[in-house]
Each structure stands twice: as structure tokens, then as C-alpha cells.
Amino acid sequence: MVLESQLPPYDGITLADVRLVQSCADAAAALGALLAADVIGFDTESKPTFHKGETSNGPHLIQFATDNTAYLFQIGTSPALNELKAILESSATLKVGFGLSDDIKRLRGKLGITMAGVLDLSVALRGGQRNDLGAKTAVAKFFGVRLQKSKKISTTNWANARLTERQILYAADDAQVALRVYRHWLAHGNAATATPPPG
């Protein structure tokens, strides 16, 4: 049995294929591309909390991915709320991701968005097993490669106005990995429908 640490690294998205949504025109272009897709990868990032009793006011970044492109929406003082609501509340475009219950709750609490058309792959892929299946395990199982999830990057400040290249690639990969896993899973005869968001 090959250990996960011995697998070759996952070949992720490139910066050239990531779009930072920074203007109304960017938001409109992202909206058109994402709603034209049958399914998109989805995730969020929130600034971590380090003190006892401190609660996160995330999400600070919402990321989506089509098969070829990732779109990152920063949630600053003026988020593209109309576009985000149109994407996330659409039941026509399926959103797939890993471990989405917290993301869904935070989106509702911070932005008043009630998601529709969502499939949590952590639950869908476990196939009767007790434990949820994470992105790293799914990538190793389906593609035979190692998804590097840097704790150093995941715990950086996602509320910064200017994200680093490593943050951008980490966030974009999170969304696109989910879509790639879903496509692979579907191609091997599996099927799943969107799950209702948690109450």
C-alpha cells in the first residue's frame, strides 16, 4: 500500500486561470461564466480566530471554479452581493465542495444568502462509511496524487485586501479540486442530487 505522503503532488490551477473579482465588470463576467456551467466547484475562506471566545466574522473570500477557470470574490466593504446571491441561490447550477455546512451557515449569517443547489462531497462520497471523506483523501483515492494543504496558508489572514499568490492558488485549488473530484466520481457511474442546506 502506497502512503499518501509518497504520492506525486497534485498539479493544481495556474495563476493565469484565476480571476480576482475586483470590479462590476469582473463580477458580471464571473456571473455569466458560472451560471452557464452545469456544475461549479465552491468553497469559502475565513480569517482564523486565535483567542478563546473569539468568533469568526467570515467568510472573507468566496471561491468558485469551472473546469478551466477559478473566480475569487473578496468580501470586503462592498462585496458583489447581487452576483453572489444569483450564483449561490441558483438551483439550476449545482455547487459542489467539501465540508460545506459551516460555509453555508456563515454565508447566511453574514450576507443573508440562503444557498440552493448544493452537494457536499464529504458526505456524498463516503458511501455508507461513518466518516466524511475529505478533499485530500478523495484526491489520493481517485487520482493517485497528493493534495498539499498547507496549514501555514490555510491559517493566513483571508481578510487582507491584497492576497498573496500562494493564498490565491490555495483558494482556487480548493474550489477546482472539488469539481474535478465530482466529475471523476460522476464518470464512474455515480449519481447524487443536491442536498438541502442545514437548518
N, C-alpha and C. Protein backbone atom coordinates (compact mmCIF):
# COMPACT_ATOMS: atom_id res chain seq x y z
N MET A 1 0.85 -1.20 0.00
CA MET A 1 0.00 0.00 0.00
C MET A 1 0.88 1.26 0.00
N VAL A 2 0.62 2.15 -0.94
CA VAL A 2 1.40 3.39 -1.05
C VAL A 2 0.86 4.42 -0.06
N LEU A 3 1.74 4.96 0.75
CA LEU A 3 1.34 6.01 1.68
C LEU A 3 1.03 7.29 0.91
N GLU A 4 0.09 8.06 1.46
CA GLU A 4 -0.30 9.31 0.80
C GLU A 4 0.89 10.24 0.62
N SER A 5 1.81 10.24 1.60
CA SER A 5 2.98 11.12 1.54
C SER A 5 3.95 10.73 0.42
N GLN A 6 3.82 9.50 -0.10
CA GLN A 6 4.71 9.04 -1.17
C GLN A 6 4.15 9.29 -2.57
N LEU A 7 2.92 9.76 -2.63
CA LEU A 7 2.30 10.02 -3.93
C LEU A 7 2.88 11.27 -4.58
N PRO A 8 2.86 11.35 -5.91
CA PRO A 8 3.30 12.59 -6.58
C PRO A 8 2.34 13.72 -6.26
N PRO A 9 2.81 14.96 -6.31
CA PRO A 9 1.94 16.09 -5.95
C PRO A 9 0.85 16.35 -6.98
N TYR A 10 -0.27 16.85 -6.48
CA TYR A 10 -1.39 17.26 -7.32
C TYR A 10 -0.98 18.47 -8.17
N ASP A 11 -1.32 18.42 -9.44
CA ASP A 11 -1.00 19.51 -10.37
C ASP A 11 -2.17 20.47 -10.39
N GLY A 12 -2.07 21.55 -9.64
CA GLY A 12 -3.20 22.45 -9.45
C GLY A 12 -3.35 23.50 -10.53
N ILE A 13 -4.23 24.43 -10.27
CA ILE A 13 -4.54 25.51 -11.19
C ILE A 13 -3.36 26.48 -11.27
N THR A 14 -3.27 27.21 -12.36
CA THR A 14 -2.22 28.23 -12.50
C THR A 14 -2.81 29.62 -12.27
N LEU A 15 -1.95 30.57 -11.93
CA LEU A 15 -2.42 31.94 -11.70
C LEU A 15 -3.12 32.52 -12.93
N ALA A 16 -2.67 32.11 -14.11
CA ALA A 16 -3.26 32.63 -15.35
C ALA A 16 -4.73 32.24 -15.49
N ASP A 17 -5.13 31.19 -14.76
CA ASP A 17 -6.51 30.71 -14.86
C ASP A 17 -7.37 31.11 -13.66
N VAL A 18 -6.88 32.08 -12.88
CA VAL A 18 -7.63 32.58 -11.73
C VAL A 18 -8.03 34.04 -11.99
N ARG A 19 -9.28 34.34 -11.72
CA ARG A 19 -9.78 35.71 -11.89
C ARG A 19 -10.15 36.27 -10.52
N LEU A 20 -9.50 37.38 -10.14
CA LEU A 20 -9.89 38.09 -8.93
C LEU A 20 -11.00 39.07 -9.29
N VAL A 21 -12.13 38.93 -8.65
CA VAL A 21 -13.28 39.79 -8.97
C VAL A 21 -13.12 41.10 -8.21
N GLN A 22 -12.75 42.14 -8.96
CA GLN A 22 -12.42 43.42 -8.32
C GLN A 22 -13.25 44.59 -8.83
N SER A 23 -14.10 44.38 -9.79
CA SER A 23 -14.91 45.47 -10.34
C SER A 23 -16.29 44.93 -10.73
N CYS A 24 -17.17 45.83 -11.07
CA CYS A 24 -18.51 45.43 -11.53
C CYS A 24 -18.42 44.60 -12.80
N ALA A 25 -17.50 44.98 -13.68
CA ALA A 25 -17.32 44.23 -14.92
C ALA A 25 -16.81 42.81 -14.63
N ASP A 26 -15.87 42.71 -13.67
CA ASP A 26 -15.37 41.39 -13.27
C ASP A 26 -16.51 40.52 -12.74
N ALA A 27 -17.34 41.11 -11.89
CA ALA A 27 -18.44 40.38 -11.27
C ALA A 27 -19.44 39.91 -12.32
N ALA A 28 -19.72 40.78 -13.29
CA ALA A 28 -20.67 40.42 -14.35
C ALA A 28 -20.12 39.28 -15.20
N ALA A 29 -18.82 39.34 -15.51
CA ALA A 29 -18.20 38.28 -16.32
C ALA A 29 -18.19 36.95 -15.56
N ALA A 30 -17.90 37.01 -14.27
CA ALA A 30 -17.91 35.81 -13.45
C ALA A 30 -19.31 35.21 -13.37
N LEU A 31 -20.28 36.07 -13.16
CA LEU A 31 -21.68 35.62 -13.08
C LEU A 31 -22.09 34.88 -14.35
N GLY A 32 -21.78 35.46 -15.50
CA GLY A 32 -22.14 34.84 -16.77
C GLY A 32 -21.49 33.48 -16.95
N ALA A 33 -20.20 33.39 -16.63
CA ALA A 33 -19.47 32.13 -16.80
C ALA A 33 -19.95 31.06 -15.83
N LEU A 34 -20.21 31.45 -14.60
CA LEU A 34 -20.59 30.48 -13.58
C LEU A 34 -22.01 29.97 -13.76
N LEU A 35 -22.92 30.85 -14.13
CA LEU A 35 -24.31 30.40 -14.32
C LEU A 35 -24.49 29.63 -15.63
N ALA A 36 -23.51 29.74 -16.53
CA ALA A 36 -23.57 28.98 -17.78
C ALA A 36 -23.12 27.54 -17.57
N ALA A 37 -22.49 27.27 -16.43
CA ALA A 37 -21.97 25.92 -16.15
C ALA A 37 -23.05 25.06 -15.51
N ASP A 38 -23.00 23.76 -15.78
CA ASP A 38 -23.96 22.85 -15.14
C ASP A 38 -23.62 22.62 -13.68
N VAL A 39 -22.32 22.63 -13.40
CA VAL A 39 -21.85 22.42 -12.02
C VAL A 39 -20.57 23.21 -11.83
N ILE A 40 -20.38 23.74 -10.62
CA ILE A 40 -19.17 24.52 -10.31
C ILE A 40 -18.62 24.09 -8.96
N GLY A 41 -17.31 24.19 -8.81
CA GLY A 41 -16.68 23.95 -7.52
C GLY A 41 -16.87 25.17 -6.64
N PHE A 42 -16.94 24.96 -5.34
CA PHE A 42 -17.26 26.06 -4.43
C PHE A 42 -16.57 25.85 -3.07
N ASP A 43 -16.12 26.96 -2.48
CA ASP A 43 -15.58 26.94 -1.13
C ASP A 43 -15.52 28.37 -0.62
N THR A 44 -15.25 28.52 0.66
CA THR A 44 -15.03 29.86 1.23
C THR A 44 -13.81 29.79 2.15
N GLU A 45 -13.23 30.95 2.42
CA GLU A 45 -12.14 31.07 3.39
C GLU A 45 -12.50 32.18 4.38
N SER A 46 -12.13 31.96 5.63
CA SER A 46 -12.39 32.95 6.67
C SER A 46 -11.12 33.21 7.46
N LYS A 47 -10.96 34.44 7.88
CA LYS A 47 -9.83 34.79 8.74
C LYS A 47 -9.90 33.93 10.00
N PRO A 48 -8.80 33.27 10.36
CA PRO A 48 -8.85 32.39 11.54
C PRO A 48 -8.97 33.16 12.84
N THR A 49 -9.46 32.47 13.86
CA THR A 49 -9.53 33.06 15.19
C THR A 49 -8.48 32.36 16.06
N PHE A 50 -7.85 33.12 16.93
CA PHE A 50 -6.76 32.56 17.74
C PHE A 50 -7.01 32.68 19.24
N HIS A 51 -8.03 33.42 19.64
CA HIS A 51 -8.26 33.64 21.07
C HIS A 51 -9.55 32.96 21.52
N LYS A 52 -9.54 32.46 22.72
CA LYS A 52 -10.69 31.78 23.30
C LYS A 52 -11.89 32.73 23.34
N GLY A 53 -13.02 32.24 22.88
CA GLY A 53 -14.23 33.05 22.87
C GLY A 53 -14.39 33.95 21.66
N GLU A 54 -13.33 34.03 20.85
CA GLU A 54 -13.39 34.86 19.65
C GLU A 54 -14.17 34.13 18.56
N THR A 55 -15.08 34.84 17.91
CA THR A 55 -15.85 34.22 16.83
C THR A 55 -15.43 34.81 15.49
N SER A 56 -15.44 33.99 14.48
CA SER A 56 -15.05 34.45 13.15
C SER A 56 -16.16 35.28 12.53
N ASN A 57 -15.79 36.33 11.84
CA ASN A 57 -16.78 37.13 11.12
C ASN A 57 -16.68 36.87 9.62
N GLY A 58 -16.26 35.66 9.27
CA GLY A 58 -16.17 35.27 7.86
C GLY A 58 -17.53 34.93 7.28
N PRO A 59 -17.59 34.61 6.00
CA PRO A 59 -16.42 34.40 5.14
C PRO A 59 -15.80 35.71 4.65
N HIS A 60 -14.50 35.64 4.36
CA HIS A 60 -13.79 36.80 3.81
C HIS A 60 -13.45 36.61 2.34
N LEU A 61 -13.58 35.36 1.87
CA LEU A 61 -13.32 35.06 0.46
C LEU A 61 -14.26 33.94 0.04
N ILE A 62 -14.88 34.11 -1.13
CA ILE A 62 -15.73 33.06 -1.70
C ILE A 62 -15.14 32.70 -3.04
N GLN A 63 -14.88 31.41 -3.24
CA GLN A 63 -14.26 30.99 -4.48
C GLN A 63 -15.12 29.96 -5.22
N PHE A 64 -15.13 30.12 -6.54
CA PHE A 64 -15.86 29.24 -7.44
C PHE A 64 -14.90 28.77 -8.52
N ALA A 65 -15.22 27.64 -9.14
CA ALA A 65 -14.39 27.18 -10.25
C ALA A 65 -15.23 26.46 -11.29
N THR A 66 -14.95 26.77 -12.55
CA THR A 66 -15.43 25.97 -13.66
C THR A 66 -14.31 24.98 -13.98
N ASP A 67 -14.47 24.21 -15.04
CA ASP A 67 -13.43 23.24 -15.39
C ASP A 67 -12.10 23.92 -15.72
N ASN A 68 -12.16 25.17 -16.19
CA ASN A 68 -10.94 25.83 -16.67
C ASN A 68 -10.51 27.06 -15.87
N THR A 69 -11.43 27.66 -15.12
CA THR A 69 -11.16 28.96 -14.51
C THR A 69 -11.71 29.02 -13.09
N ALA A 70 -10.99 29.69 -12.21
CA ALA A 70 -11.48 29.95 -10.85
C ALA A 70 -11.75 31.44 -10.68
N TYR A 71 -12.78 31.75 -9.92
CA TYR A 71 -13.18 33.14 -9.66
C TYR A 71 -13.20 33.36 -8.16
N LEU A 72 -12.45 34.36 -7.69
CA LEU A 72 -12.36 34.65 -6.27
C LEU A 72 -13.04 35.98 -5.96
N PHE A 73 -14.04 35.92 -5.10
CA PHE A 73 -14.77 37.10 -4.65
C PHE A 73 -14.33 37.45 -3.24
N GLN A 74 -13.68 38.60 -3.08
CA GLN A 74 -13.31 39.06 -1.74
C GLN A 74 -14.49 39.77 -1.10
N ILE A 75 -14.72 39.45 0.18
CA ILE A 75 -15.84 40.04 0.90
C ILE A 75 -15.31 41.18 1.76
N GLY A 76 -15.13 42.31 1.16
CA GLY A 76 -14.65 43.48 1.89
C GLY A 76 -15.81 44.37 2.27
N THR A 77 -15.61 45.68 2.12
CA THR A 77 -16.66 46.62 2.50
C THR A 77 -17.80 46.68 1.49
N SER A 78 -17.52 46.29 0.25
CA SER A 78 -18.58 46.35 -0.77
C SER A 78 -18.55 45.09 -1.64
N PRO A 79 -18.99 43.95 -1.10
CA PRO A 79 -18.99 42.72 -1.89
C PRO A 79 -19.99 42.77 -3.04
N ALA A 80 -19.74 41.96 -4.06
CA ALA A 80 -20.65 41.89 -5.22
C ALA A 80 -21.84 41.03 -4.82
N LEU A 81 -22.68 41.60 -3.92
CA LEU A 81 -23.73 40.81 -3.28
C LEU A 81 -24.78 40.30 -4.27
N ASN A 82 -25.18 41.14 -5.23
CA ASN A 82 -26.20 40.70 -6.20
C ASN A 82 -25.73 39.50 -7.00
N GLU A 83 -24.49 39.56 -7.44
CA GLU A 83 -23.93 38.45 -8.22
C GLU A 83 -23.76 37.19 -7.36
N LEU A 84 -23.28 37.38 -6.15
CA LEU A 84 -23.09 36.24 -5.25
C LEU A 84 -24.41 35.56 -4.93
N LYS A 85 -25.44 36.36 -4.67
CA LYS A 85 -26.76 35.79 -4.39
C LYS A 85 -27.30 35.04 -5.62
N ALA A 86 -27.10 35.61 -6.80
CA ALA A 86 -27.59 34.97 -8.02
C ALA A 86 -26.93 33.61 -8.24
N ILE A 87 -25.64 33.53 -7.92
CA ILE A 87 -24.90 32.27 -8.11
C ILE A 87 -25.28 31.26 -7.01
N LEU A 88 -25.20 31.70 -5.77
CA LEU A 88 -25.36 30.78 -4.65
C LEU A 88 -26.80 30.36 -4.40
N GLU A 89 -27.75 31.19 -4.79
CA GLU A 89 -29.16 30.86 -4.59
C GLU A 89 -29.79 30.21 -5.82
N SER A 90 -28.99 30.00 -6.87
CA SER A 90 -29.49 29.34 -8.08
C SER A 90 -29.61 27.84 -7.86
N SER A 91 -30.77 27.29 -8.16
CA SER A 91 -30.94 25.83 -8.08
C SER A 91 -30.58 25.17 -9.41
N ALA A 92 -30.35 25.97 -10.45
CA ALA A 92 -30.04 25.43 -11.78
C ALA A 92 -28.56 25.05 -11.91
N THR A 93 -27.70 25.73 -11.19
CA THR A 93 -26.26 25.44 -11.23
C THR A 93 -25.86 24.76 -9.93
N LEU A 94 -25.40 23.52 -10.03
CA LEU A 94 -25.02 22.76 -8.84
C LEU A 94 -23.67 23.26 -8.32
N LYS A 95 -23.60 23.49 -7.01
CA LYS A 95 -22.35 23.87 -6.35
C LYS A 95 -21.83 22.67 -5.57
N VAL A 96 -20.59 22.25 -5.85
CA VAL A 96 -20.02 21.10 -5.15
C VAL A 96 -18.78 21.51 -4.37
N GLY A 97 -18.61 20.94 -3.19
CA GLY A 97 -17.46 21.25 -2.36
C GLY A 97 -17.35 20.27 -1.22
N PHE A 98 -16.34 20.44 -0.39
CA PHE A 98 -16.08 19.55 0.74
C PHE A 98 -16.35 20.26 2.06
N GLY A 99 -17.11 19.60 2.94
CA GLY A 99 -17.34 20.14 4.28
C GLY A 99 -18.00 21.50 4.27
N LEU A 100 -19.18 21.59 3.66
CA LEU A 100 -19.79 22.89 3.38
C LEU A 100 -20.75 23.41 4.45
N SER A 101 -21.05 22.63 5.47
CA SER A 101 -22.09 23.06 6.42
C SER A 101 -21.74 24.39 7.09
N ASP A 102 -20.48 24.55 7.48
CA ASP A 102 -20.07 25.80 8.13
C ASP A 102 -20.10 26.97 7.14
N ASP A 103 -19.66 26.71 5.90
CA ASP A 103 -19.67 27.75 4.86
C ASP A 103 -21.10 28.26 4.64
N ILE A 104 -22.04 27.33 4.57
CA ILE A 104 -23.44 27.67 4.31
C ILE A 104 -24.00 28.53 5.45
N LYS A 105 -23.69 28.14 6.68
CA LYS A 105 -24.18 28.91 7.84
C LYS A 105 -23.59 30.32 7.87
N ARG A 106 -22.31 30.41 7.55
CA ARG A 106 -21.65 31.73 7.59
C ARG A 106 -22.18 32.64 6.48
N LEU A 107 -22.45 32.08 5.32
CA LEU A 107 -23.00 32.89 4.23
C LEU A 107 -24.37 33.44 4.59
N ARG A 108 -25.16 32.61 5.25
CA ARG A 108 -26.48 33.07 5.66
C ARG A 108 -26.36 34.14 6.74
N GLY A 109 -25.48 33.91 7.71
CA GLY A 109 -25.34 34.83 8.83
C GLY A 109 -24.75 36.17 8.44
N LYS A 110 -23.74 36.16 7.57
CA LYS A 110 -23.05 37.41 7.23
C LYS A 110 -23.69 38.15 6.07
N LEU A 111 -24.11 37.41 5.04
CA LEU A 111 -24.57 38.06 3.80
C LEU A 111 -26.05 37.83 3.51
N GLY A 112 -26.74 37.07 4.35
CA GLY A 112 -28.17 36.82 4.13
C GLY A 112 -28.43 35.96 2.92
N ILE A 113 -27.47 35.10 2.56
CA ILE A 113 -27.60 34.24 1.38
C ILE A 113 -28.05 32.85 1.84
N THR A 114 -29.15 32.37 1.26
CA THR A 114 -29.64 31.02 1.53
C THR A 114 -29.33 30.17 0.31
N MET A 115 -28.35 29.31 0.45
CA MET A 115 -27.86 28.56 -0.71
C MET A 115 -28.86 27.53 -1.20
N ALA A 116 -28.81 27.30 -2.51
CA ALA A 116 -29.62 26.26 -3.15
C ALA A 116 -28.72 25.52 -4.13
N GLY A 117 -29.11 24.29 -4.47
CA GLY A 117 -28.32 23.53 -5.44
C GLY A 117 -26.92 23.22 -4.95
N VAL A 118 -26.82 22.59 -3.75
CA VAL A 118 -25.52 22.32 -3.13
C VAL A 118 -25.33 20.81 -2.94
N LEU A 119 -24.13 20.34 -3.20
CA LEU A 119 -23.78 18.95 -2.91
C LEU A 119 -22.48 18.92 -2.11
N ASP A 120 -22.57 18.44 -0.87
CA ASP A 120 -21.38 18.32 -0.03
C ASP A 120 -20.72 16.98 -0.33
N LEU A 121 -19.58 17.03 -0.99
CA LEU A 121 -18.89 15.81 -1.40
C LEU A 121 -18.37 15.00 -0.22
N SER A 122 -18.10 15.65 0.90
CA SER A 122 -17.63 14.94 2.08
C SER A 122 -18.63 13.88 2.51
N VAL A 123 -19.91 14.20 2.35
CA VAL A 123 -20.98 13.28 2.71
C VAL A 123 -21.30 12.34 1.55
N ALA A 124 -21.40 12.89 0.34
CA ALA A 124 -21.81 12.09 -0.82
C ALA A 124 -20.83 10.97 -1.15
N LEU A 125 -19.54 11.22 -0.93
CA LEU A 125 -18.52 10.25 -1.33
C LEU A 125 -18.21 9.19 -0.29
N ARG A 126 -18.76 9.32 0.89
CA ARG A 126 -18.36 8.38 1.94
C ARG A 126 -18.96 6.99 1.76
N GLY A 127 -20.01 6.88 0.92
CA GLY A 127 -20.52 5.57 0.53
C GLY A 127 -20.87 4.65 1.67
N GLY A 128 -21.61 5.14 2.62
CA GLY A 128 -22.03 4.30 3.72
C GLY A 128 -21.05 4.22 4.88
N GLN A 129 -19.85 4.77 4.69
CA GLN A 129 -18.88 4.79 5.79
C GLN A 129 -19.31 5.82 6.83
N ARG A 130 -18.83 5.64 8.04
CA ARG A 130 -19.23 6.55 9.11
C ARG A 130 -18.62 7.93 8.94
N ASN A 131 -17.36 7.97 8.55
CA ASN A 131 -16.65 9.25 8.50
C ASN A 131 -16.77 9.93 7.14
N ASP A 132 -16.85 11.25 7.17
CA ASP A 132 -16.86 12.03 5.94
C ASP A 132 -15.53 11.88 5.21
N LEU A 133 -15.56 12.04 3.91
CA LEU A 133 -14.36 11.94 3.08
C LEU A 133 -13.87 13.35 2.75
N GLY A 134 -12.62 13.64 3.08
CA GLY A 134 -12.07 14.96 2.81
C GLY A 134 -11.45 15.07 1.43
N ALA A 135 -11.10 16.29 1.05
CA ALA A 135 -10.54 16.54 -0.28
C ALA A 135 -9.22 15.79 -0.48
N LYS A 136 -8.34 15.81 0.52
CA LYS A 136 -7.03 15.15 0.38
C LYS A 136 -7.20 13.65 0.14
N THR A 137 -8.08 13.02 0.90
CA THR A 137 -8.32 11.59 0.77
C THR A 137 -8.94 11.27 -0.58
N ALA A 138 -9.89 12.10 -1.02
CA ALA A 138 -10.55 11.88 -2.30
C ALA A 138 -9.58 12.00 -3.47
N VAL A 139 -8.71 12.98 -3.42
CA VAL A 139 -7.73 13.19 -4.50
C VAL A 139 -6.75 12.01 -4.56
N ALA A 140 -6.31 11.55 -3.40
CA ALA A 140 -5.40 10.40 -3.36
C ALA A 140 -6.09 9.15 -3.89
N LYS A 141 -7.34 8.95 -3.50
CA LYS A 141 -8.09 7.76 -3.89
C LYS A 141 -8.42 7.75 -5.38
N PHE A 142 -8.87 8.88 -5.90
CA PHE A 142 -9.35 8.92 -7.28
C PHE A 142 -8.25 9.19 -8.31
N PHE A 143 -7.26 10.01 -7.93
CA PHE A 143 -6.26 10.44 -8.91
C PHE A 143 -4.85 9.91 -8.63
N GLY A 144 -4.65 9.31 -7.45
CA GLY A 144 -3.34 8.78 -7.12
C GLY A 144 -2.27 9.84 -6.96
N VAL A 145 -2.68 11.03 -6.51
CA VAL A 145 -1.73 12.12 -6.27
C VAL A 145 -2.00 12.72 -4.89
N ARG A 146 -1.06 13.55 -4.44
CA ARG A 146 -1.14 14.14 -3.10
C ARG A 146 -1.54 15.60 -3.17
N LEU A 147 -2.68 15.93 -2.58
CA LEU A 147 -3.11 17.32 -2.49
C LEU A 147 -2.45 17.95 -1.27
N GLN A 148 -1.60 18.94 -1.51
CA GLN A 148 -0.89 19.58 -0.42
C GLN A 148 -1.74 20.70 0.17
N LYS A 149 -2.15 20.52 1.43
CA LYS A 149 -2.99 21.50 2.11
C LYS A 149 -2.14 22.14 3.21
N SER A 150 -1.52 23.25 2.87
CA SER A 150 -0.60 23.90 3.80
C SER A 150 -1.36 24.58 4.95
N LYS A 151 -1.07 24.13 6.17
CA LYS A 151 -1.67 24.76 7.35
C LYS A 151 -1.22 26.21 7.45
N LYS A 152 0.00 26.45 7.02
CA LYS A 152 0.54 27.82 7.06
C LYS A 152 -0.29 28.77 6.20
N ILE A 153 -0.73 28.28 5.03
CA ILE A 153 -1.55 29.12 4.15
C ILE A 153 -3.00 29.18 4.63
N SER A 154 -3.53 28.04 5.04
CA SER A 154 -4.95 28.00 5.44
C SER A 154 -5.25 28.90 6.62
N THR A 155 -4.25 29.14 7.47
CA THR A 155 -4.46 29.98 8.66
C THR A 155 -3.94 31.41 8.48
N THR A 156 -3.74 31.82 7.25
CA THR A 156 -3.34 33.21 7.00
C THR A 156 -4.55 34.13 7.08
N ASN A 157 -4.31 35.42 6.99
CA ASN A 157 -5.39 36.39 7.09
C ASN A 157 -6.10 36.56 5.75
N TRP A 158 -7.25 35.91 5.63
CA TRP A 158 -8.03 35.97 4.39
C TRP A 158 -8.78 37.29 4.24
N ALA A 159 -8.75 38.12 5.27
CA ALA A 159 -9.42 39.42 5.20
C ALA A 159 -8.52 40.50 4.60
N ASN A 160 -7.26 40.18 4.34
CA ASN A 160 -6.36 41.16 3.75
C ASN A 160 -6.88 41.63 2.39
N ALA A 161 -6.74 42.92 2.15
CA ALA A 161 -7.20 43.46 0.87
C ALA A 161 -6.39 42.90 -0.30
N ARG A 162 -5.11 42.68 -0.07
CA ARG A 162 -4.24 42.12 -1.12
C ARG A 162 -3.81 40.71 -0.72
N LEU A 163 -4.29 39.73 -1.46
CA LEU A 163 -3.94 38.35 -1.18
C LEU A 163 -2.61 38.00 -1.84
N THR A 164 -1.86 37.10 -1.22
CA THR A 164 -0.60 36.66 -1.82
C THR A 164 -0.89 35.64 -2.93
N GLU A 165 0.10 35.39 -3.75
CA GLU A 165 -0.06 34.40 -4.81
C GLU A 165 -0.37 33.03 -4.23
N ARG A 166 0.27 32.69 -3.12
CA ARG A 166 0.05 31.38 -2.50
C ARG A 166 -1.38 31.28 -1.96
N GLN A 167 -1.90 32.36 -1.40
CA GLN A 167 -3.28 32.36 -0.94
C GLN A 167 -4.24 32.17 -2.12
N ILE A 168 -3.98 32.88 -3.20
CA ILE A 168 -4.84 32.82 -4.39
C ILE A 168 -4.88 31.40 -4.94
N LEU A 169 -3.73 30.77 -5.07
CA LEU A 169 -3.66 29.42 -5.63
C LEU A 169 -4.30 28.40 -4.68
N TYR A 170 -4.08 28.56 -3.39
CA TYR A 170 -4.67 27.67 -2.40
C TYR A 170 -6.20 27.72 -2.50
N ALA A 171 -6.74 28.93 -2.51
CA ALA A 171 -8.20 29.10 -2.55
C ALA A 171 -8.79 28.61 -3.86
N ALA A 172 -8.13 28.91 -4.96
CA ALA A 172 -8.62 28.48 -6.27
C ALA A 172 -8.61 26.97 -6.39
N ASP A 173 -7.54 26.34 -5.90
CA ASP A 173 -7.45 24.88 -5.94
C ASP A 173 -8.56 24.23 -5.11
N ASP A 174 -8.86 24.81 -3.96
CA ASP A 174 -9.92 24.26 -3.11
C ASP A 174 -11.23 24.12 -3.88
N ALA A 175 -11.55 25.13 -4.66
CA ALA A 175 -12.80 25.09 -5.43
C ALA A 175 -12.68 24.13 -6.62
N GLN A 176 -11.57 24.21 -7.35
CA GLN A 176 -11.47 23.38 -8.56
C GLN A 176 -11.26 21.90 -8.26
N VAL A 177 -10.57 21.59 -7.18
CA VAL A 177 -10.39 20.19 -6.79
C VAL A 177 -11.75 19.51 -6.59
N ALA A 178 -12.66 20.22 -5.93
CA ALA A 178 -13.99 19.67 -5.69
C ALA A 178 -14.69 19.33 -7.01
N LEU A 179 -14.59 20.23 -7.96
CA LEU A 179 -15.23 20.00 -9.27
C LEU A 179 -14.58 18.82 -9.98
N ARG A 180 -13.27 18.73 -9.95
CA ARG A 180 -12.58 17.63 -10.63
C ARG A 180 -12.92 16.29 -10.00
N VAL A 181 -13.00 16.25 -8.67
CA VAL A 181 -13.39 15.02 -7.98
C VAL A 181 -14.82 14.64 -8.36
N TYR A 182 -15.70 15.62 -8.38
CA TYR A 182 -17.10 15.34 -8.74
C TYR A 182 -17.21 14.80 -10.15
N ARG A 183 -16.52 15.41 -11.10
CA ARG A 183 -16.56 14.95 -12.50
C ARG A 183 -16.07 13.50 -12.59
N HIS A 184 -14.99 13.18 -11.89
CA HIS A 184 -14.43 11.83 -11.90
C HIS A 184 -15.43 10.84 -11.31
N TRP A 185 -16.00 11.21 -10.19
CA TRP A 185 -16.97 10.36 -9.48
C TRP A 185 -18.19 10.08 -10.36
N LEU A 186 -18.64 11.13 -11.04
CA LEU A 186 -19.81 11.00 -11.93
C LEU A 186 -19.47 10.10 -13.12
N ALA A 187 -18.28 10.24 -13.67
CA ALA A 187 -17.85 9.47 -14.83
C ALA A 187 -17.75 7.98 -14.53
N HIS A 188 -17.67 7.64 -13.24
CA HIS A 188 -17.57 6.23 -12.85
C HIS A 188 -18.90 5.68 -12.35
N GLY A 189 -19.97 6.24 -12.89
CA GLY A 189 -21.29 5.66 -12.69
C GLY A 189 -22.03 6.06 -11.44
N ASN A 190 -21.53 7.05 -10.73
CA ASN A 190 -22.21 7.51 -9.52
C ASN A 190 -23.16 8.65 -9.84
N ALA A 191 -24.08 8.88 -8.95
CA ALA A 191 -25.02 9.98 -9.13
C ALA A 191 -25.42 10.52 -7.77
N ALA A 192 -25.70 11.79 -7.72
CA ALA A 192 -26.15 12.40 -6.48
C ALA A 192 -26.95 13.65 -6.80
N THR A 193 -27.84 13.98 -5.92
CA THR A 193 -28.63 15.19 -6.09
C THR A 193 -28.24 16.19 -5.01
N ALA A 194 -28.61 17.42 -5.25
CA ALA A 194 -28.28 18.47 -4.29
C ALA A 194 -28.93 18.15 -2.95
N THR A 195 -28.24 18.51 -1.90
CA THR A 195 -28.75 18.30 -0.54
C THR A 195 -29.28 19.60 0.02
N PRO A 196 -30.35 19.55 0.79
CA PRO A 196 -30.87 20.79 1.36
C PRO A 196 -29.86 21.37 2.36
N PRO A 197 -29.75 22.69 2.41
CA PRO A 197 -28.83 23.29 3.37
C PRO A 197 -29.25 23.00 4.80
N PRO A 198 -28.30 22.96 5.75
CA PRO A 198 -28.66 22.70 7.14
C PRO A 198 -29.53 23.80 7.71
N GLY A 199 -30.40 23.43 8.62
CA GLY A 199 -31.33 24.38 9.19
C GLY A 199 -30.69 25.34 10.18
